[in-house]
C-alpha cells in the first residue's frame, strides 16, 4: 500500500511546466559574461594587473565594498580575462581563488595553494615553514605570474593574525622565475587596523572601492540575468522593479536581489503558476528574511543566545527600548536557572553590540545626564520565531518552563 502511494509522488510535479530555463544564472556563484555598472572597477583592476602580461610584477590590491556589490564577480571576471590573454600572448598567468571563510588558517591557505601545483601536502602535521617552502618551490619551477585572490580576507586575519599575508606579500623576494600578486577582498573597511604596518603598506599598494548599487542599477542586473534564467514572458512587469526596490533598501545588495528573484520564481513554480507575480516576490521577501534570522540566531554562541532570549522575553512582556541594566538583570537570573557562568556587564554590552551589527537588535547609546550613558535596545526580528529558534538549543530548553512573569528581574 505504501509503495502505491509513493509511486506517483513526483509524477504530478513533473507534469507542471517549469518557468526556469536556467536558475543557476541567479545564484551568486555564477559569473556572467557582462557585468553592468562595474566598468570603472573592471578597468581599474585591469590597469593594475596588465603588468603581468608585460612580464612585470603587478601591485598587490585591496578591494572594499559591502556585500553584494559585485567584488567577487568582477575579480573572477578580470582574472579569467587575464589567464586567457596570457595564454594567447605566451605569458603564463594563473589566478587562484580562495574563500577565507572556508580556508581560514595559514596552514590551510598554503596547503591549498601548494596542492594546486601538484604538491602532496597533508591536511595537518607539517610545520608551516615546510608547507610554505613546498609552495614556493612549486611555483618557482617556471616563469609565470600568479594572482592569489583572498576573498573575505578579514576572516583570515581575525582568526589567525597577519602571518599569512606577511609571507605572501613578501614572497617575491624569495622567487627567481615567478611573480606573485595578492588581491584581498573585504566587506570590512577597518580590517587593516589589525595588520602590522609593514603588511598594511605592502598589501594595500592599490585600493579599489565598490559602491552599492542603486535600485535602477539593480533592475538592469536583474533584467540581464532574467533573460537567461526564465522563459519568455514568465515575469509580471512589476516583478523586477519590486525585487530591485527591496534589495536597494538592503544597501544595494545585488546578491539579495538575485536571491529574491530566484526564490520568487521557485514559489511561483511550486504554486504551478506559469507567471511570477508581485505576490510571489513579497512571499519570497518574507521567506528570505525569515530564513536569514533563523540561520543567524541558530549559529550564535550560547551566551549570545541567552542574552537575546532575555531581550525577547522582556519585549514579549511589553517592555520597549530596553536598557542594558534591565537586560543584564534578567540575563543573570536566567544564567542561574540553567547553571551557566555569568559574564560581566561589560562583556554583555559587547555582545549586545555584536547582535546590533548582525541586525538582530538595534542598540543606540543615549545620555541620562548625571546618571551617565546607557544603551536603549529594541529587538529587530520576529519575536515568536526567534524565541522558538533559541529554544532549539538543548541548554536553553528548560527556560520555556518558567515564564518571564515568574522570573525576578532584579537578582
Protein backbone atom coordinates (compact mmCIF):
# COMPACT_ATOMS: atom_id res chain seq x y z
CA UNK A 1 0.00 0.00 0.00
CA UNK A 2 2.82 2.39 0.94
CA UNK A 3 4.57 1.72 -2.38
CA UNK A 4 1.35 2.50 -4.27
CA UNK A 5 1.11 5.89 -2.53
CA UNK A 6 4.77 6.74 -3.12
CA UNK A 7 4.95 5.50 -6.72
CA UNK A 8 3.30 8.65 -8.09
CA UNK A 9 4.97 11.08 -5.70
CA UNK A 10 6.79 13.09 -8.38
CA UNK A 11 4.51 12.44 -11.35
CA UNK A 12 2.13 15.35 -10.74
CA UNK A 13 5.03 17.69 -10.01
CA UNK A 14 6.72 16.72 -13.27
CA UNK A 15 3.53 17.48 -15.22
CA UNK A 16 3.66 21.18 -14.33
CA UNK A 17 5.58 23.32 -16.82
CA UNK A 18 8.78 24.86 -15.42
CA UNK A 19 9.23 28.61 -15.83
CA UNK A 20 13.02 28.48 -15.46
CA UNK A 21 15.41 27.88 -18.33
CA UNK A 22 18.49 28.05 -16.08
CA UNK A 23 18.03 29.07 -12.44
CA UNK A 24 21.78 28.76 -11.78
CA UNK A 25 22.17 32.13 -13.54
CA UNK A 26 20.51 33.70 -10.47
CA UNK A 27 22.98 32.23 -7.96
CA UNK A 28 25.89 34.29 -6.53
CA UNK A 29 28.42 31.70 -7.77
CA UNK A 30 27.57 32.45 -11.42
CA UNK A 31 29.87 34.88 -13.23
CA UNK A 32 28.19 36.42 -16.29
CA UNK A 33 30.00 37.47 -19.47
CA UNK A 34 28.95 41.08 -18.87
CA UNK A 35 28.78 42.94 -15.55
CA UNK A 36 26.51 46.01 -15.71
CA UNK A 37 27.61 49.19 -13.89
CA UNK A 38 31.07 47.90 -12.98
CA UNK A 39 33.08 49.13 -15.97
CA UNK A 40 35.09 51.57 -13.82
CA UNK A 41 36.10 48.88 -11.32
CA UNK A 42 36.88 46.38 -14.11
CA UNK A 43 39.12 48.92 -15.82
CA UNK A 44 40.87 49.81 -12.55
CA UNK A 45 41.73 46.16 -11.88
CA UNK A 46 42.78 45.52 -15.47
CA UNK A 47 45.04 48.59 -15.44
CA UNK A 48 46.84 47.25 -12.35
CA UNK A 49 47.10 43.61 -13.47
CA UNK A 50 48.12 44.27 -17.09
CA UNK A 51 51.75 44.49 -15.92
CA UNK A 52 51.61 40.70 -15.52
CA UNK A 53 51.29 40.42 -19.32
CA UNK A 54 54.42 42.57 -19.71
CA UNK A 55 56.48 40.25 -17.52
CA UNK A 56 56.37 42.59 -14.55
CA UNK A 57 55.08 42.08 -11.00
CA UNK A 58 51.57 43.52 -10.51
CA UNK A 59 50.91 45.56 -7.38
CA UNK A 60 49.02 43.95 -4.51
CA UNK A 61 45.40 45.12 -4.34
CA UNK A 62 42.79 45.55 -1.59
CA UNK A 63 39.17 45.64 -2.71
CA UNK A 64 36.46 47.01 -0.43
CA UNK A 65 32.68 47.16 -0.63
CA UNK A 66 29.52 45.97 1.09
CA UNK A 67 28.07 42.50 0.46
CA UNK A 68 26.52 42.14 -2.98
CA UNK A 69 28.39 44.99 -4.70
CA UNK A 70 29.99 42.73 -7.31
CA UNK A 71 33.51 42.46 -5.84
CA UNK A 72 33.99 38.73 -6.28
CA UNK A 73 32.26 38.60 -9.68
CA UNK A 74 34.44 41.42 -11.04
CA UNK A 75 37.69 39.92 -9.72
CA UNK A 76 36.86 36.50 -11.17
CA UNK A 77 35.84 38.09 -14.47
CA UNK A 78 39.08 40.08 -14.76
CA UNK A 79 41.09 37.04 -13.61
CA UNK A 80 39.58 34.85 -16.32
CA UNK A 81 40.39 37.50 -18.96
CA UNK A 82 43.96 37.74 -17.63
CA UNK A 83 44.51 33.97 -17.90
CA UNK A 84 43.07 33.82 -21.44
CA UNK A 85 45.10 36.80 -22.66
CA UNK A 86 48.24 35.41 -21.04
CA UNK A 87 47.75 32.12 -22.85
CA UNK A 88 47.40 33.91 -26.21
CA UNK A 89 50.44 36.12 -25.59
CA UNK A 90 52.65 33.31 -24.26
CA UNK A 91 52.99 34.94 -20.83
CA UNK A 92 51.50 32.35 -18.43
CA UNK A 93 49.22 33.78 -15.72
CA UNK A 94 47.44 31.71 -13.07
CA UNK A 95 44.63 33.18 -10.98
CA UNK A 96 43.91 31.24 -7.78
CA UNK A 97 40.76 31.94 -5.75
CA UNK A 98 40.46 31.19 -2.02
CA UNK A 99 37.44 31.88 0.20
CA UNK A 100 38.95 32.69 3.59
CA UNK A 101 35.71 31.94 5.41
CA UNK A 102 36.31 28.28 4.49
CA UNK A 103 40.11 28.14 4.21
CA UNK A 104 40.87 30.22 7.27
CA UNK A 105 44.36 29.44 8.60
CA UNK A 106 47.87 29.98 7.25
CA UNK A 107 48.46 26.22 7.02
CA UNK A 108 45.24 25.64 5.04
CA UNK A 109 45.89 28.55 2.69
CA UNK A 110 49.46 27.50 1.89
CA UNK A 111 48.50 23.81 1.61
CA UNK A 112 45.62 24.68 -0.76
CA UNK A 113 47.97 26.74 -2.94
CA UNK A 114 50.66 24.03 -2.95
CA UNK A 115 48.14 21.33 -3.93
CA UNK A 116 47.07 23.44 -6.90
CA UNK A 117 50.61 22.98 -8.20
CA UNK A 118 50.52 19.20 -7.59
CA UNK A 119 52.37 19.14 -4.29
CA UNK A 120 51.09 16.50 -1.88
CA UNK A 121 50.65 18.31 1.42
CA UNK A 122 48.78 16.60 4.29
CA UNK A 123 45.78 18.38 5.82
CA UNK A 124 47.68 18.65 9.12
CA UNK A 125 51.00 17.63 10.62
CA UNK A 126 53.69 19.56 8.78
CA UNK A 127 55.42 22.68 10.13
CA UNK A 128 54.02 25.76 8.39
CA UNK A 129 57.54 26.65 7.17
CA UNK A 130 57.70 23.34 5.31
CA UNK A 131 54.34 23.94 3.63
CA UNK A 132 55.46 27.44 2.61
CA UNK A 133 58.68 26.01 1.19
CA UNK A 134 56.79 23.38 -0.84
CA UNK A 135 54.51 26.03 -2.30
CA UNK A 136 57.42 28.39 -3.08
CA UNK A 137 59.42 25.67 -4.84
CA UNK A 138 56.37 24.51 -6.80
CA UNK A 139 55.53 27.91 -8.25
CA UNK A 140 59.14 28.88 -8.97
CA UNK A 141 59.70 25.90 -11.26
CA UNK A 142 58.90 28.02 -14.34
CA UNK A 143 58.47 31.66 -15.35
CA UNK A 144 54.87 32.76 -14.68
CA UNK A 145 52.70 35.29 -12.86
CA UNK A 146 50.35 34.11 -10.10
CA UNK A 147 47.48 36.21 -8.79
CA UNK A 148 46.17 34.95 -5.43
CA UNK A 149 42.63 36.14 -4.64
CA UNK A 150 41.82 36.04 -0.92
CA UNK A 151 38.07 36.60 -0.63
CA UNK A 152 36.82 37.67 2.82
CA UNK A 153 40.44 38.28 3.75
CA UNK A 154 39.38 39.88 7.05
CA UNK A 155 38.16 36.47 8.30
CA UNK A 156 41.67 35.06 7.79
CA UNK A 157 43.25 37.96 9.70
CA UNK A 158 40.77 37.90 12.58
CA UNK A 159 41.19 34.15 13.09
CA UNK A 160 44.91 33.67 12.55
CA UNK A 161 46.60 37.08 12.53
CA UNK A 162 48.53 38.50 9.60
CA UNK A 163 51.32 35.90 9.24
CA UNK A 164 49.82 34.54 6.00
CA UNK A 165 49.66 38.00 4.46
CA UNK A 166 53.17 38.81 5.70
CA UNK A 167 54.57 35.74 3.92
CA UNK A 168 52.57 36.12 0.71
CA UNK A 169 53.17 39.85 0.36
CA UNK A 170 56.93 39.30 0.61
CA UNK A 171 57.24 36.03 -1.29
CA UNK A 172 58.61 37.71 -4.44
CA UNK A 173 61.91 38.33 -2.64
CA UNK A 174 62.35 34.52 -2.42
CA UNK A 175 61.47 33.78 -6.07
CA UNK A 176 63.65 33.72 -9.19
CA UNK A 177 61.23 32.92 -12.01
CA UNK A 178 57.72 33.64 -10.73
CA UNK A 179 55.94 36.85 -9.77
CA UNK A 180 53.10 36.83 -7.21
CA UNK A 181 50.36 39.40 -6.67
CA UNK A 182 47.83 39.24 -3.83
CA UNK A 183 44.28 40.54 -4.24
CA UNK A 184 42.35 40.84 -0.96
CA UNK A 185 38.56 41.28 -0.91
CA UNK A 186 36.74 42.52 2.20
CA UNK A 187 33.39 43.87 3.36
CA UNK A 188 35.17 45.41 6.37
CA UNK A 189 36.78 48.78 5.64
CA UNK A 190 38.56 48.75 9.01
CA UNK A 191 40.13 45.30 8.95
CA UNK A 192 43.57 46.71 8.04
CA UNK A 193 43.69 48.18 11.55
CA UNK A 194 44.51 44.62 12.70
CA UNK A 195 47.54 44.42 10.40
CA UNK A 196 51.19 45.08 11.13
CA UNK A 197 52.07 48.43 9.46
CA UNK A 198 54.58 46.68 7.16
CA UNK A 199 51.95 44.22 5.96
CA UNK A 200 49.43 47.03 5.54
CA UNK A 201 51.75 49.05 3.32
CA UNK A 202 52.83 46.14 1.10
CA UNK A 203 49.36 44.58 0.81
CA UNK A 204 47.48 47.79 0.15
CA UNK A 205 49.66 49.12 -2.68
CA UNK A 206 46.45 49.72 -4.65
CA UNK A 207 42.85 50.02 -3.41
CA UNK A 208 39.61 49.69 -5.36
CA UNK A 209 36.27 50.66 -3.78
CA UNK A 210 32.95 49.16 -4.90
CA UNK A 211 29.96 51.44 -4.13
CA UNK A 212 26.49 49.95 -3.51
CA UNK A 213 24.10 49.63 -6.47
CA UNK A 214 21.02 51.84 -6.61
CA UNK A 215 17.55 50.49 -7.47
CA UNK A 216 17.88 51.31 -11.20
CA UNK A 217 21.26 49.57 -11.45
CA UNK A 218 19.89 46.51 -9.63
CA UNK A 219 17.00 46.49 -12.10
CA UNK A 220 19.46 46.39 -15.01
CA UNK A 221 21.35 43.47 -13.41
CA UNK A 222 18.12 41.53 -12.87
CA UNK A 223 16.89 42.23 -16.42
CA UNK A 224 20.14 40.86 -17.81
CA UNK A 225 20.02 37.67 -15.72
CA UNK A 226 16.26 37.15 -16.17
CA UNK A 227 16.64 36.89 -19.96
CA UNK A 228 18.79 33.79 -19.46
CA UNK A 229 17.14 32.41 -16.32
CA UNK A 230 13.42 32.46 -17.25
CA UNK A 231 11.26 31.52 -20.19
CA UNK A 232 9.99 34.49 -22.24
CA UNK A 233 7.09 36.41 -20.66
CA UNK A 234 7.41 34.49 -17.38
CA UNK A 235 7.57 37.67 -15.22
CA UNK A 236 4.92 40.26 -14.49
CA UNK A 237 6.27 43.75 -15.39
CA UNK A 238 6.33 44.81 -11.73
CA UNK A 239 8.45 41.85 -10.53
CA UNK A 240 11.95 43.11 -11.37
CA UNK A 241 11.36 46.71 -10.12
CA UNK A 242 9.98 45.31 -6.85
CA UNK A 243 12.94 42.94 -6.36
CA UNK A 244 15.31 45.83 -7.09
CA UNK A 245 13.50 48.15 -4.66
CA UNK A 246 13.62 45.59 -1.83
CA UNK A 247 17.34 44.94 -2.40
CA UNK A 248 18.15 48.67 -2.68
CA UNK A 249 16.87 49.01 0.89
CA UNK A 250 19.46 46.37 1.87
CA UNK A 251 22.41 48.66 0.97
CA UNK A 252 22.20 47.97 -2.79
CA UNK A 253 22.88 44.24 -2.43
CA UNK A 254 22.81 42.55 -5.87
CA UNK A 255 23.15 39.12 -4.24
CA UNK A 256 19.98 39.78 -2.27
CA UNK A 257 18.19 40.96 -5.44
CA UNK A 258 19.17 37.81 -7.34
CA UNK A 259 18.13 35.55 -4.44
CA UNK A 260 14.80 37.37 -4.28
CA UNK A 261 14.13 36.88 -7.98
CA UNK A 262 15.14 33.20 -7.87
CA UNK A 263 13.04 32.40 -4.80
CA UNK A 264 10.09 34.29 -6.32
CA UNK A 265 10.35 32.03 -9.36
CA UNK A 266 10.60 28.92 -7.21
CA UNK A 267 7.50 29.89 -5.21
CA UNK A 268 5.59 30.55 -8.45
CA UNK A 269 6.67 27.18 -9.81
CA UNK A 270 5.58 25.38 -6.64
CA UNK A 271 2.21 27.10 -6.90
CA UNK A 272 2.08 25.74 -10.50
CA UNK A 273 1.81 29.28 -11.85
CA UNK A 274 3.20 29.98 -15.30
CA UNK A 275 3.84 33.60 -14.28
CA UNK A 276 5.95 35.12 -11.49
CA UNK A 277 3.78 37.77 -9.81
CA UNK A 278 4.22 40.55 -7.30
CA UNK A 279 2.66 38.35 -4.61
CA UNK A 280 5.44 35.79 -5.14
CA UNK A 281 8.08 38.50 -4.64
CA UNK A 282 6.51 39.60 -1.35
CA UNK A 283 6.29 35.98 -0.17
CA UNK A 284 9.94 35.45 -1.18
CA UNK A 285 10.99 38.57 0.75
CA UNK A 286 9.33 37.21 3.91
CA UNK A 287 10.84 33.75 3.38
CA UNK A 288 14.39 35.02 2.83
CA UNK A 289 14.22 37.34 5.83
CA UNK A 290 12.81 34.53 7.97
CA UNK A 291 15.48 32.07 6.81
CA UNK A 292 18.24 34.63 7.47
CA UNK A 293 17.06 35.31 11.01
CA UNK A 294 16.74 31.63 11.83
CA UNK A 295 20.20 30.81 10.46
CA UNK A 296 21.94 33.72 12.23
CA UNK A 297 20.22 33.02 15.57
CA UNK A 298 20.83 29.29 15.33
CA UNK A 299 24.60 29.76 14.94
CA UNK A 300 25.06 32.22 17.82
CA UNK A 301 27.22 31.16 20.80
CA UNK A 302 25.19 30.05 23.84
CA UNK A 303 25.89 33.20 25.87
CA UNK A 304 24.70 35.37 22.97
CA UNK A 305 21.56 33.24 22.69
CA UNK A 306 20.86 33.68 26.38
CA UNK A 307 21.24 37.47 26.19
CA UNK A 308 18.97 37.58 23.14
CA UNK A 309 16.46 35.34 24.95
CA UNK A 310 16.40 37.85 27.82
CA UNK A 311 15.68 40.70 25.40
CA UNK A 312 12.99 38.79 23.51
CA UNK A 313 11.33 37.78 26.80
CA UNK A 314 11.28 41.36 28.09
CA UNK A 315 9.90 42.58 24.77
CA UNK A 316 7.15 39.95 24.77
CA UNK A 317 6.23 41.07 28.28
CA UNK A 318 5.60 44.57 26.92
CA UNK A 319 8.89 46.34 27.62
CA UNK A 320 10.08 48.85 24.99
CA UNK A 321 13.51 50.45 24.50
CA UNK A 322 15.25 48.14 26.95
CA UNK A 323 18.30 49.33 28.84
CA UNK A 324 21.48 47.33 29.27
CA UNK A 325 20.79 47.13 33.02
CA UNK A 326 17.33 45.57 32.52
CA UNK A 327 18.72 43.01 30.08
CA UNK A 328 21.66 42.20 32.35
CA UNK A 329 19.49 41.65 35.42
CA UNK A 330 17.25 39.15 33.64
CA UNK A 331 20.27 37.54 31.94
CA UNK A 332 21.88 36.86 35.37
CA UNK A 333 18.67 35.26 36.61
CA UNK A 334 18.47 33.05 33.51
CA UNK A 335 22.13 32.02 33.92
CA UNK A 336 21.42 30.82 37.46
CA UNK A 337 18.33 28.99 36.24
CA UNK A 338 20.31 26.87 33.76
CA UNK A 339 23.57 26.81 35.77
CA UNK A 340 25.65 28.85 33.31
CA UNK A 341 28.60 31.14 34.06
CA UNK A 342 27.58 34.80 34.39
CA UNK A 343 29.51 37.22 32.18
CA UNK A 344 30.38 40.73 33.34
CA UNK A 345 28.04 43.56 32.37
CA UNK A 346 30.77 44.99 30.15
CA UNK A 347 31.03 41.73 28.19
CA UNK A 348 27.23 41.55 27.87
CA UNK A 349 27.28 45.11 26.50
CA UNK A 350 29.86 43.99 23.90
CA UNK A 351 27.66 41.04 22.88
CA UNK A 352 24.66 43.36 22.51
CA UNK A 353 26.81 45.46 20.14
CA UNK A 354 27.64 42.30 18.16
CA UNK A 355 23.92 41.46 17.89
CA UNK A 356 23.35 45.03 16.73
CA UNK A 357 25.95 44.57 13.96
CA UNK A 358 24.15 41.40 12.84
CA UNK A 359 20.88 43.35 12.58
CA UNK A 360 19.14 41.23 15.24
CA UNK A 361 18.73 44.13 17.66
CA UNK A 362 19.00 47.89 17.38
CA UNK A 363 21.14 49.40 20.16
CA UNK A 364 21.54 53.17 20.50
CA UNK A 365 23.71 54.86 23.16
CA UNK A 366 21.73 57.59 24.95
CA UNK A 367 22.77 60.04 27.64
CA UNK A 368 20.96 60.00 31.00
CA UNK A 369 22.56 63.26 32.13
CA UNK A 370 24.23 62.95 35.51
CA UNK A 371 23.23 59.26 35.60
CA UNK A 372 25.67 58.52 32.77
CA UNK A 373 25.11 56.80 29.42
CA UNK A 374 23.28 53.61 28.60
CA UNK A 375 22.07 51.71 25.57
CA UNK A 376 18.44 51.68 24.53
CA UNK A 377 17.80 48.38 22.83
CA UNK A 378 14.96 47.22 20.60
CA UNK A 379 14.57 43.78 19.03
CA UNK A 380 14.58 43.90 15.21
CA UNK A 381 13.49 40.32 14.43
CA UNK A 382 10.17 38.43 14.75
CA UNK A 383 9.75 37.57 18.44
CA UNK A 384 7.92 34.23 18.25
CA UNK A 385 10.15 32.80 15.54
CA UNK A 386 13.32 33.99 17.27
CA UNK A 387 12.24 32.55 20.62
CA UNK A 388 11.38 29.20 19.02
CA UNK A 389 14.80 29.09 17.32
CA UNK A 390 16.59 29.91 20.59
CA UNK A 391 14.75 27.14 22.41
CA UNK A 392 16.03 24.59 19.88
CA UNK A 393 19.31 24.81 21.81
CA UNK A 394 19.14 21.99 24.38
CA UNK A 395 20.83 24.20 27.00
CA UNK A 396 18.02 26.76 26.78
CA UNK A 397 15.08 24.35 26.52
CA UNK A 398 14.28 24.45 30.25
CA UNK A 399 13.77 28.23 30.08
CA UNK A 400 10.42 27.71 28.33
CA UNK A 401 9.12 26.04 31.50
CA UNK A 402 9.43 29.25 33.57
CA UNK A 403 7.54 32.26 32.19
CA UNK A 404 9.34 35.58 32.49
CA UNK A 405 6.47 36.92 34.59
CA UNK A 406 7.58 34.46 37.28
CA UNK A 407 11.24 35.44 36.96
CA UNK A 408 12.58 38.13 39.27
CA UNK A 409 14.21 40.80 37.08
CA UNK A 410 16.49 42.13 39.79
CA UNK A 411 18.53 39.35 41.26
